[in-house]
Amino acid sequence: MPDIRGRISVNRIQDAFQNKKAFIAYLMAGDPDLATSAEYILAAQNAGADTIEVGIPFSDSIAEGDVIQAAR
């Protein structure tokens, strides 16, 4: 849960690694659209993800891989 300034507590991240392993889901924001991205994030949470990393496509994705380029 975010703290009063809207930030995620470092303790929550440390807690995710308490057993030395964590399931970290990675999702690209906007793939295929923002509404579906939100659904995927909630699905990852409900599936037991310890943390969820949301990638934001760079405006010039030429240095990225095919999947991230397609998400632009």
C-alpha atoms as a PDB file:
ATOM      1  CA  MET A   1       0.000   0.000   0.000  1.00  0.00           C
ATOM      2  CA  PRO A   2       1.360   3.479  -0.817  1.00  0.00           C
ATOM      3  CA  ASP A   3       2.417   5.728   2.055  1.00  0.00           C
ATOM      4  CA  ILE A   4       0.842   9.145   2.635  1.00  0.00           C
ATOM      5  CA  ARG A   5       2.918  10.637  -0.181  1.00  0.00           C
ATOM      6  CA  GLY A   6       1.788   7.947  -2.653  1.00  0.00           C
ATOM      7  CA  ARG A   7       5.071   6.035  -2.619  1.00  0.00           C
ATOM      8  CA  ILE A   8       5.471   2.320  -2.083  1.00  0.00           C
ATOM      9  CA  SER A   9       7.214   1.536   1.185  1.00  0.00           C
ATOM     10  CA  VAL A  10      10.691   0.032   0.895  1.00  0.00           C
ATOM     11  CA  ASN A  11       9.652  -2.358   3.663  1.00  0.00           C
ATOM     12  CA  ARG A  12       6.962  -3.818   1.376  1.00  0.00           C
ATOM     13  CA  ILE A  13       9.583  -4.525  -1.284  1.00  0.00           C
ATOM     14  CA  GLN A  14      11.894  -6.056   1.326  1.00  0.00           C
ATOM     15  CA  ASP A  15       9.001  -8.188   2.586  1.00  0.00           C
ATOM     16  CA  ALA A  16       8.502  -9.589  -0.924  1.00  0.00           C
ATOM     17  CA  PHE A  17      12.038 -11.016  -0.787  1.00  0.00           C
ATOM     18  CA  GLN A  18      11.855 -12.343   2.762  1.00  0.00           C
ATOM     19  CA  ASN A  19      11.916 -15.955   1.512  1.00  0.00           C
ATOM     20  CA  LYS A  20      14.811 -15.148  -0.868  1.00  0.00           C
ATOM     21  CA  LYS A  21      12.536 -15.619  -3.894  1.00  0.00           C
ATOM     22  CA  ALA A  22       9.817 -13.428  -5.328  1.00  0.00           C
ATOM     23  CA  PHE A  23       7.504 -13.579  -8.321  1.00  0.00           C
ATOM     24  CA  ILE A  24       7.982 -10.271 -10.129  1.00  0.00           C
ATOM     25  CA  ALA A  25       5.493  -9.726 -12.935  1.00  0.00           C
ATOM     26  CA  TYR A  26       6.548  -7.390 -15.756  1.00  0.00           C
ATOM     27  CA  LEU A  27       3.861  -5.743 -17.864  1.00  0.00           C
ATOM     28  CA  MET A  28       4.143  -3.097 -20.555  1.00  0.00           C
ATOM     29  CA  ALA A  29       1.809  -0.157 -19.961  1.00  0.00           C
ATOM     30  CA  GLY A  30      -0.577   0.381 -22.853  1.00  0.00           C
ATOM     31  CA  ASP A  31      -0.306  -3.106 -24.348  1.00  0.00           C
ATOM     32  CA  PRO A  32      -2.754  -3.594 -25.952  1.00  0.00           C
ATOM     33  CA  ASP A  33      -4.465  -0.534 -24.385  1.00  0.00           C
ATOM     34  CA  LEU A  34      -4.586   1.218 -21.000  1.00  0.00           C
ATOM     35  CA  ALA A  35      -7.841  -0.383 -19.822  1.00  0.00           C
ATOM     36  CA  THR A  36      -6.561  -3.883 -20.575  1.00  0.00           C
ATOM     37  CA  SER A  37      -3.217  -3.047 -18.949  1.00  0.00           C
ATOM     38  CA  ALA A  38      -5.091  -2.201 -15.738  1.00  0.00           C
ATOM     39  CA  GLU A  39      -6.943  -5.528 -15.923  1.00  0.00           C
ATOM     40  CA  TYR A  40      -3.647  -7.393 -16.432  1.00  0.00           C
ATOM     41  CA  ILE A  41      -2.078  -5.658 -13.426  1.00  0.00           C
ATOM     42  CA  LEU A  42      -4.989  -6.672 -11.204  1.00  0.00           C
ATOM     43  CA  ALA A  43      -4.864 -10.220 -12.606  1.00  0.00           C
ATOM     44  CA  ALA A  44      -1.143 -10.456 -11.783  1.00  0.00           C
ATOM     45  CA  GLN A  45      -1.854  -9.249  -8.260  1.00  0.00           C
ATOM     46  CA  ASN A  46      -4.673 -11.767  -7.848  1.00  0.00           C
ATOM     47  CA  ALA A  47      -2.431 -14.530  -9.229  1.00  0.00           C
ATOM     48  CA  GLY A  48       0.042 -13.942  -6.416  1.00  0.00           C
ATOM     49  CA  ALA A  49       2.688 -11.628  -7.865  1.00  0.00           C
ATOM     50  CA  ASP A  50       4.919 -10.350  -5.062  1.00  0.00           C
ATOM     51  CA  THR A  51       5.736  -7.218  -7.011  1.00  0.00           C
ATOM     52  CA  ILE A  52       4.591  -5.839 -10.348  1.00  0.00           C
ATOM     53  CA  GLU A  53       6.859  -3.814 -12.594  1.00  0.00           C
ATOM     54  CA  VAL A  54       5.067  -1.695 -15.176  1.00  0.00           C
ATOM     55  CA  GLY A  55       7.221  -0.669 -18.128  1.00  0.00           C
ATOM     56  CA  ILE A  56       6.575   2.615 -19.875  1.00  0.00           C
ATOM     57  CA  PRO A  57       7.469   2.623 -23.574  1.00  0.00           C
ATOM     58  CA  PHE A  58      10.133   5.153 -24.513  1.00  0.00           C
ATOM     59  CA  SER A  59       9.071   7.599 -27.206  1.00  0.00           C
ATOM     60  CA  ASP A  60      11.832   6.261 -29.494  1.00  0.00           C
ATOM     61  CA  SER A  61      11.708   2.519 -28.924  1.00  0.00           C
ATOM     62  CA  ILE A  62      14.200   1.566 -31.645  1.00  0.00           C
ATOM     63  CA  ALA A  63      16.636   0.307 -28.972  1.00  0.00           C
ATOM     64  CA  GLU A  64      13.942  -1.884 -27.404  1.00  0.00           C
ATOM     65  CA  GLY A  65      12.896  -5.385 -28.399  1.00  0.00           C
ATOM     66  CA  ASP A  66      10.023  -6.268 -30.737  1.00  0.00           C
ATOM     67  CA  VAL A  67       7.405  -6.694 -27.998  1.00  0.00           C
ATOM     68  CA  ILE A  68       8.099  -3.306 -26.431  1.00  0.00           C
ATOM     69  CA  GLN A  69       8.195  -1.641 -29.843  1.00  0.00           C
ATOM     70  CA  ALA A  70       4.788  -3.122 -30.668  1.00  0.00           C
ATOM     71  CA  ALA A  71       3.379  -1.766 -27.382  1.00  0.00           C
ATOM     72  CA  ARG A  72       3.975   1.873 -28.405  1.00  0.00           C
END
